[in-house]
Amino acid sequence: MIRPIMKDVLFLAQKSAPATPDDVSVADDLLDTLRAHSAECVGMAANMIGVKKCIIAVDLGGMALEMFNPRIISKSVAYEAVEGCLSLCGARSVTRYRNIKVEWKTRSFQTKTQTFTGNVAQIIQHEIDHCNGVII
């Protein structure tokens, strides 16, 4: 189901609760909403659709990667970026890392670990910030 985009900064600033296997339907809604906004958005976190659960989705160019309880376990090569957000007005400067290693749970709650670089790494960092209540 496509859900409305949350714009309440006080809500977005709250840390999300860990996702559980019962939250798969939230991921489905997150993916539907991301697809509906594909012209203007390449990633989403569950709090952007009004659900305080640690779930993100990233558009990898026609295929979406969903992550339950993602966490960055290493990062390197800091740089400054300017980012916008579907939930916020305008763009803001933020420090990101070119290389990140992320651990997360899949939809079946199996643990995965992968290294991401470049634009995909930046998107994942932005969405993990959402899960942690960090407003860019």
N, C-alpha and C. Protein backbone atom coordinates (compact mmCIF):
# COMPACT_ATOMS: atom_id res chain seq x y z
N MET A 1 0.84 -1.17 0.00
CA MET A 1 0.00 0.00 0.00
C MET A 1 0.90 1.24 0.00
N ILE A 2 0.55 2.20 -0.82
CA ILE A 2 1.28 3.47 -0.86
C ILE A 2 0.81 4.31 0.31
N ARG A 3 1.76 4.76 1.12
CA ARG A 3 1.42 5.57 2.30
C ARG A 3 1.86 7.01 2.10
N PRO A 4 1.21 7.94 2.82
CA PRO A 4 1.64 9.34 2.72
C PRO A 4 3.02 9.53 3.35
N ILE A 5 3.74 10.53 2.85
CA ILE A 5 5.08 10.84 3.35
C ILE A 5 4.97 11.67 4.62
N MET A 6 5.64 11.21 5.67
CA MET A 6 5.66 11.89 6.96
C MET A 6 6.54 13.14 6.84
N LYS A 7 6.01 14.27 7.30
CA LYS A 7 6.75 15.53 7.26
C LYS A 7 6.96 16.11 8.65
N ASP A 8 6.43 15.47 9.68
CA ASP A 8 6.53 15.96 11.06
C ASP A 8 7.94 15.72 11.59
N VAL A 9 8.72 16.81 11.73
CA VAL A 9 10.12 16.71 12.15
C VAL A 9 10.24 16.12 13.55
N LEU A 10 9.30 16.41 14.45
CA LEU A 10 9.36 15.83 15.80
C LEU A 10 9.23 14.31 15.75
N PHE A 11 8.38 13.81 14.88
CA PHE A 11 8.23 12.36 14.70
C PHE A 11 9.50 11.78 14.08
N LEU A 12 10.00 12.43 13.03
CA LEU A 12 11.18 11.94 12.33
C LEU A 12 12.43 11.95 13.20
N ALA A 13 12.46 12.81 14.22
CA ALA A 13 13.63 12.92 15.10
C ALA A 13 13.67 11.84 16.18
N GLN A 14 12.66 10.98 16.22
CA GLN A 14 12.64 9.91 17.21
C GLN A 14 13.31 8.66 16.64
N LYS A 15 14.09 8.01 17.48
CA LYS A 15 14.77 6.78 17.07
C LYS A 15 13.75 5.67 16.83
N SER A 16 13.96 4.92 15.77
CA SER A 16 13.06 3.82 15.43
C SER A 16 13.33 2.59 16.28
N ALA A 17 12.30 1.82 16.54
CA ALA A 17 12.42 0.56 17.27
C ALA A 17 12.96 -0.52 16.33
N PRO A 18 13.63 -1.52 16.88
CA PRO A 18 14.10 -2.62 16.03
C PRO A 18 12.93 -3.31 15.32
N ALA A 19 13.16 -3.68 14.07
CA ALA A 19 12.15 -4.41 13.31
C ALA A 19 12.15 -5.87 13.73
N THR A 20 11.02 -6.51 13.57
CA THR A 20 10.86 -7.94 13.87
C THR A 20 10.26 -8.63 12.64
N PRO A 21 10.22 -9.96 12.63
CA PRO A 21 9.59 -10.64 11.50
C PRO A 21 8.12 -10.24 11.29
N ASP A 22 7.46 -9.72 12.31
CA ASP A 22 6.08 -9.27 12.16
C ASP A 22 5.97 -7.98 11.36
N ASP A 23 7.10 -7.34 11.03
CA ASP A 23 7.09 -6.05 10.33
C ASP A 23 7.28 -6.16 8.82
N VAL A 24 7.18 -7.35 8.27
CA VAL A 24 7.37 -7.53 6.83
C VAL A 24 6.33 -6.72 6.04
N SER A 25 5.12 -6.60 6.55
CA SER A 25 4.10 -5.81 5.84
C SER A 25 4.49 -4.33 5.78
N VAL A 26 5.21 -3.84 6.78
CA VAL A 26 5.71 -2.46 6.76
C VAL A 26 6.70 -2.31 5.61
N ALA A 27 7.57 -3.30 5.44
CA ALA A 27 8.53 -3.27 4.33
C ALA A 27 7.81 -3.28 2.98
N ASP A 28 6.73 -4.03 2.87
CA ASP A 28 5.94 -4.05 1.64
C ASP A 28 5.40 -2.65 1.33
N ASP A 29 4.84 -2.00 2.34
CA ASP A 29 4.33 -0.63 2.16
C ASP A 29 5.45 0.34 1.82
N LEU A 30 6.60 0.15 2.45
CA LEU A 30 7.75 1.01 2.18
C LEU A 30 8.19 0.87 0.72
N LEU A 31 8.26 -0.35 0.23
CA LEU A 31 8.63 -0.59 -1.17
C LEU A 31 7.60 0.00 -2.12
N ASP A 32 6.32 -0.18 -1.84
CA ASP A 32 5.26 0.39 -2.68
C ASP A 32 5.37 1.91 -2.73
N THR A 33 5.62 2.52 -1.58
CA THR A 33 5.71 3.98 -1.50
C THR A 33 6.97 4.48 -2.20
N LEU A 34 8.08 3.77 -2.05
CA LEU A 34 9.31 4.14 -2.75
C LEU A 34 9.09 4.09 -4.27
N ARG A 35 8.46 3.04 -4.75
CA ARG A 35 8.19 2.92 -6.19
C ARG A 35 7.30 4.06 -6.67
N ALA A 36 6.32 4.43 -5.86
CA ALA A 36 5.39 5.51 -6.24
C ALA A 36 6.10 6.87 -6.33
N HIS A 37 7.22 7.01 -5.64
CA HIS A 37 7.97 8.26 -5.62
C HIS A 37 9.32 8.13 -6.33
N SER A 38 9.43 7.16 -7.23
CA SER A 38 10.72 6.87 -7.86
C SER A 38 11.29 8.04 -8.67
N ALA A 39 10.45 8.93 -9.12
CA ALA A 39 10.94 10.08 -9.89
C ALA A 39 11.67 11.09 -9.02
N GLU A 40 11.43 11.04 -7.71
CA GLU A 40 12.00 12.06 -6.82
C GLU A 40 12.73 11.49 -5.61
N CYS A 41 12.84 10.17 -5.53
CA CYS A 41 13.38 9.57 -4.31
C CYS A 41 14.07 8.25 -4.65
N VAL A 42 15.25 8.01 -4.05
CA VAL A 42 16.00 6.77 -4.31
C VAL A 42 16.14 5.90 -3.06
N GLY A 43 15.60 6.35 -1.95
CA GLY A 43 15.66 5.57 -0.73
C GLY A 43 14.62 6.06 0.26
N MET A 44 14.20 5.18 1.15
CA MET A 44 13.23 5.53 2.18
C MET A 44 13.47 4.70 3.42
N ALA A 45 13.09 5.30 4.55
CA ALA A 45 13.08 4.60 5.83
C ALA A 45 11.63 4.52 6.29
N ALA A 46 11.33 3.54 7.11
CA ALA A 46 9.95 3.32 7.54
C ALA A 46 9.34 4.53 8.25
N ASN A 47 10.16 5.32 8.96
CA ASN A 47 9.56 6.47 9.64
C ASN A 47 9.07 7.51 8.64
N MET A 48 9.57 7.46 7.41
CA MET A 48 9.08 8.38 6.38
C MET A 48 7.65 8.06 5.96
N ILE A 49 7.18 6.86 6.28
CA ILE A 49 5.78 6.52 6.01
C ILE A 49 5.00 6.37 7.32
N GLY A 50 5.56 6.94 8.38
CA GLY A 50 4.84 7.01 9.65
C GLY A 50 4.98 5.81 10.55
N VAL A 51 5.96 4.95 10.32
CA VAL A 51 6.15 3.75 11.14
C VAL A 51 7.55 3.80 11.74
N LYS A 52 7.63 3.84 13.07
CA LYS A 52 8.93 3.92 13.76
C LYS A 52 9.55 2.54 13.93
N LYS A 53 9.93 1.95 12.81
CA LYS A 53 10.63 0.67 12.80
C LYS A 53 11.88 0.83 11.97
N CYS A 54 12.93 0.13 12.33
CA CYS A 54 14.21 0.26 11.66
C CYS A 54 14.24 -0.61 10.39
N ILE A 55 13.65 -0.05 9.34
CA ILE A 55 13.59 -0.71 8.04
C ILE A 55 13.89 0.35 6.99
N ILE A 56 14.75 0.02 6.03
CA ILE A 56 15.02 0.94 4.94
C ILE A 56 14.88 0.21 3.61
N ALA A 57 14.67 0.99 2.55
CA ALA A 57 14.63 0.46 1.19
C ALA A 57 15.43 1.41 0.30
N VAL A 58 16.24 0.84 -0.59
CA VAL A 58 17.09 1.62 -1.48
C VAL A 58 16.84 1.15 -2.91
N ASP A 59 16.60 2.10 -3.81
CA ASP A 59 16.40 1.79 -5.22
C ASP A 59 17.76 1.61 -5.87
N LEU A 60 18.02 0.43 -6.38
CA LEU A 60 19.30 0.13 -7.04
C LEU A 60 19.14 0.14 -8.56
N GLY A 61 18.29 1.03 -9.05
CA GLY A 61 18.08 1.12 -10.49
C GLY A 61 17.12 0.07 -11.01
N GLY A 62 15.92 0.09 -10.50
CA GLY A 62 14.90 -0.87 -10.93
C GLY A 62 14.72 -2.04 -9.98
N MET A 63 15.67 -2.27 -9.12
CA MET A 63 15.56 -3.31 -8.11
C MET A 63 15.76 -2.66 -6.75
N ALA A 64 14.92 -3.00 -5.81
CA ALA A 64 15.02 -2.40 -4.48
C ALA A 64 15.68 -3.36 -3.50
N LEU A 65 16.54 -2.79 -2.68
CA LEU A 65 17.18 -3.54 -1.60
C LEU A 65 16.51 -3.11 -0.30
N GLU A 66 15.97 -4.08 0.42
CA GLU A 66 15.37 -3.75 1.71
C GLU A 66 16.26 -4.29 2.81
N MET A 67 16.35 -3.52 3.89
CA MET A 67 17.20 -3.90 5.02
C MET A 67 16.42 -3.72 6.31
N PHE A 68 16.41 -4.75 7.11
CA PHE A 68 15.82 -4.70 8.43
C PHE A 68 16.95 -4.53 9.44
N ASN A 69 16.84 -3.55 10.32
CA ASN A 69 17.84 -3.28 11.37
C ASN A 69 19.26 -3.12 10.82
N PRO A 70 19.42 -2.29 9.77
CA PRO A 70 20.77 -2.10 9.24
C PRO A 70 21.65 -1.31 10.20
N ARG A 71 22.93 -1.64 10.19
CA ARG A 71 23.88 -0.86 10.97
C ARG A 71 25.22 -0.87 10.25
N ILE A 72 25.85 0.29 10.28
CA ILE A 72 27.15 0.44 9.65
C ILE A 72 28.20 -0.10 10.62
N ILE A 73 29.00 -1.06 10.15
CA ILE A 73 30.00 -1.65 11.03
C ILE A 73 31.42 -1.13 10.72
N SER A 74 31.59 -0.50 9.57
CA SER A 74 32.85 0.21 9.29
C SER A 74 32.59 1.23 8.20
N LYS A 75 33.43 2.26 8.18
CA LYS A 75 33.29 3.33 7.19
C LYS A 75 34.64 3.97 6.95
N SER A 76 34.84 4.48 5.73
CA SER A 76 36.10 5.14 5.42
C SER A 76 35.91 6.19 4.33
N VAL A 77 36.83 7.10 4.24
CA VAL A 77 36.91 8.18 3.25
C VAL A 77 35.72 9.13 3.39
N ALA A 78 35.82 10.01 4.38
CA ALA A 78 34.78 11.00 4.63
C ALA A 78 34.77 12.06 3.54
N TYR A 79 33.59 12.60 3.25
CA TYR A 79 33.43 13.72 2.32
C TYR A 79 32.17 14.49 2.69
N GLU A 80 32.07 15.71 2.21
CA GLU A 80 30.89 16.54 2.44
C GLU A 80 29.95 16.40 1.26
N ALA A 81 28.68 16.21 1.55
CA ALA A 81 27.65 16.10 0.51
C ALA A 81 26.52 17.07 0.83
N VAL A 82 25.74 17.38 -0.18
CA VAL A 82 24.53 18.16 0.00
C VAL A 82 23.37 17.26 -0.38
N GLU A 83 22.45 17.07 0.56
CA GLU A 83 21.34 16.14 0.34
C GLU A 83 19.99 16.81 0.56
N GLY A 84 19.03 16.32 -0.16
CA GLY A 84 17.64 16.67 0.06
C GLY A 84 16.94 15.46 0.63
N CYS A 85 15.68 15.65 1.01
CA CYS A 85 14.90 14.55 1.58
C CYS A 85 13.44 14.80 1.26
N LEU A 86 12.75 13.76 0.89
CA LEU A 86 11.32 13.85 0.57
C LEU A 86 10.51 14.32 1.77
N SER A 87 10.99 14.05 2.98
CA SER A 87 10.28 14.43 4.19
C SER A 87 10.58 15.86 4.64
N LEU A 88 11.60 16.49 4.07
CA LEU A 88 12.05 17.81 4.52
C LEU A 88 12.13 18.77 3.35
N CYS A 89 12.04 20.05 3.63
CA CYS A 89 12.19 21.08 2.60
C CYS A 89 13.66 21.45 2.47
N GLY A 90 14.10 21.70 1.26
CA GLY A 90 15.44 22.19 1.03
C GLY A 90 16.50 21.11 1.06
N ALA A 91 17.75 21.56 0.99
CA ALA A 91 18.90 20.66 1.00
C ALA A 91 19.83 21.08 2.13
N ARG A 92 20.60 20.13 2.63
CA ARG A 92 21.48 20.38 3.76
C ARG A 92 22.83 19.71 3.52
N SER A 93 23.87 20.29 4.12
CA SER A 93 25.21 19.73 4.04
C SER A 93 25.37 18.66 5.13
N VAL A 94 26.05 17.57 4.77
CA VAL A 94 26.22 16.46 5.70
C VAL A 94 27.52 15.72 5.39
N THR A 95 28.14 15.16 6.40
CA THR A 95 29.33 14.34 6.19
C THR A 95 28.90 12.91 5.89
N ARG A 96 29.43 12.35 4.82
CA ARG A 96 29.18 10.96 4.44
C ARG A 96 30.51 10.26 4.23
N TYR A 97 30.44 8.96 3.99
CA TYR A 97 31.63 8.14 3.77
C TYR A 97 31.49 7.40 2.45
N ARG A 98 32.55 7.38 1.68
CA ARG A 98 32.52 6.75 0.35
C ARG A 98 32.37 5.23 0.44
N ASN A 99 32.91 4.64 1.49
CA ASN A 99 32.89 3.18 1.66
C ASN A 99 32.29 2.83 3.01
N ILE A 100 31.29 1.98 2.99
CA ILE A 100 30.69 1.52 4.25
C ILE A 100 30.48 0.01 4.19
N LYS A 101 30.58 -0.60 5.33
CA LYS A 101 30.24 -2.02 5.46
C LYS A 101 29.01 -2.07 6.35
N VAL A 102 27.98 -2.73 5.87
CA VAL A 102 26.68 -2.74 6.56
C VAL A 102 26.29 -4.17 6.90
N GLU A 103 25.75 -4.32 8.11
CA GLU A 103 25.15 -5.59 8.53
C GLU A 103 23.66 -5.35 8.68
N TRP A 104 22.83 -6.26 8.17
CA TRP A 104 21.38 -6.11 8.28
C TRP A 104 20.73 -7.48 8.23
N LYS A 105 19.45 -7.47 8.47
CA LYS A 105 18.64 -8.68 8.36
C LYS A 105 17.83 -8.61 7.06
N THR A 106 17.67 -9.75 6.42
CA THR A 106 16.85 -9.84 5.24
C THR A 106 15.38 -9.98 5.66
N ARG A 107 14.51 -10.04 4.71
CA ARG A 107 13.08 -10.24 4.94
C ARG A 107 12.82 -11.52 5.74
N SER A 108 13.64 -12.52 5.56
CA SER A 108 13.50 -13.78 6.32
C SER A 108 14.36 -13.77 7.59
N PHE A 109 14.89 -12.61 7.92
CA PHE A 109 15.69 -12.35 9.11
C PHE A 109 16.98 -13.16 9.18
N GLN A 110 17.55 -13.37 8.00
CA GLN A 110 18.91 -13.90 7.92
C GLN A 110 19.86 -12.72 7.93
N THR A 111 21.00 -12.87 8.57
CA THR A 111 21.99 -11.79 8.65
C THR A 111 22.81 -11.73 7.37
N LYS A 112 22.96 -10.51 6.85
CA LYS A 112 23.78 -10.24 5.67
C LYS A 112 24.79 -9.17 6.02
N THR A 113 25.93 -9.22 5.38
CA THR A 113 26.95 -8.18 5.50
C THR A 113 27.47 -7.90 4.10
N GLN A 114 27.58 -6.62 3.77
CA GLN A 114 28.07 -6.26 2.44
C GLN A 114 28.73 -4.88 2.51
N THR A 115 29.71 -4.68 1.63
CA THR A 115 30.35 -3.37 1.49
C THR A 115 29.68 -2.62 0.35
N PHE A 116 29.40 -1.35 0.57
CA PHE A 116 28.80 -0.48 -0.44
C PHE A 116 29.70 0.72 -0.65
N THR A 117 29.69 1.25 -1.86
CA THR A 117 30.52 2.41 -2.18
C THR A 117 29.69 3.44 -2.94
N GLY A 118 30.24 4.65 -3.01
CA GLY A 118 29.67 5.70 -3.84
C GLY A 118 28.27 6.10 -3.48
N ASN A 119 27.44 6.29 -4.52
CA ASN A 119 26.08 6.80 -4.35
C ASN A 119 25.21 5.88 -3.50
N VAL A 120 25.33 4.58 -3.70
CA VAL A 120 24.53 3.63 -2.91
C VAL A 120 24.90 3.73 -1.44
N ALA A 121 26.19 3.87 -1.15
CA ALA A 121 26.63 4.03 0.24
C ALA A 121 26.03 5.30 0.84
N GLN A 122 26.00 6.37 0.06
CA GLN A 122 25.44 7.63 0.56
C GLN A 122 23.95 7.49 0.87
N ILE A 123 23.22 6.85 0.00
CA ILE A 123 21.78 6.66 0.22
C ILE A 123 21.54 5.83 1.47
N ILE A 124 22.28 4.74 1.62
CA ILE A 124 22.11 3.88 2.80
C ILE A 124 22.39 4.67 4.08
N GLN A 125 23.45 5.48 4.08
CA GLN A 125 23.77 6.29 5.26
C GLN A 125 22.62 7.25 5.59
N HIS A 126 22.06 7.87 4.57
CA HIS A 126 20.94 8.79 4.78
C HIS A 126 19.76 8.06 5.43
N GLU A 127 19.44 6.90 4.92
CA GLU A 127 18.28 6.15 5.45
C GLU A 127 18.55 5.60 6.84
N ILE A 128 19.77 5.17 7.11
CA ILE A 128 20.10 4.72 8.47
C ILE A 128 20.00 5.89 9.44
N ASP A 129 20.41 7.09 9.00
CA ASP A 129 20.23 8.28 9.83
C ASP A 129 18.75 8.43 10.20
N HIS A 130 17.85 8.23 9.25
CA HIS A 130 16.41 8.30 9.54
C HIS A 130 16.06 7.33 10.67
N CYS A 131 16.55 6.12 10.60
CA CYS A 131 16.24 5.11 11.63
C CYS A 131 16.73 5.55 13.00
N ASN A 132 17.81 6.30 13.01
CA ASN A 132 18.39 6.77 14.27
C ASN A 132 17.85 8.12 14.71
N GLY A 133 16.86 8.64 14.01
CA GLY A 133 16.26 9.92 14.37
C GLY A 133 17.14 11.11 14.05
N VAL A 134 18.11 10.92 13.16
CA VAL A 134 19.00 12.02 12.76
C VAL A 134 18.35 12.77 11.60
N ILE A 135 18.15 14.06 11.80
CA ILE A 135 17.60 14.91 10.75
C ILE A 135 18.78 15.59 10.05
N ILE A 136 18.89 15.40 8.75
CA ILE A 136 20.01 16.03 8.04
C ILE A 136 19.81 17.53 7.97
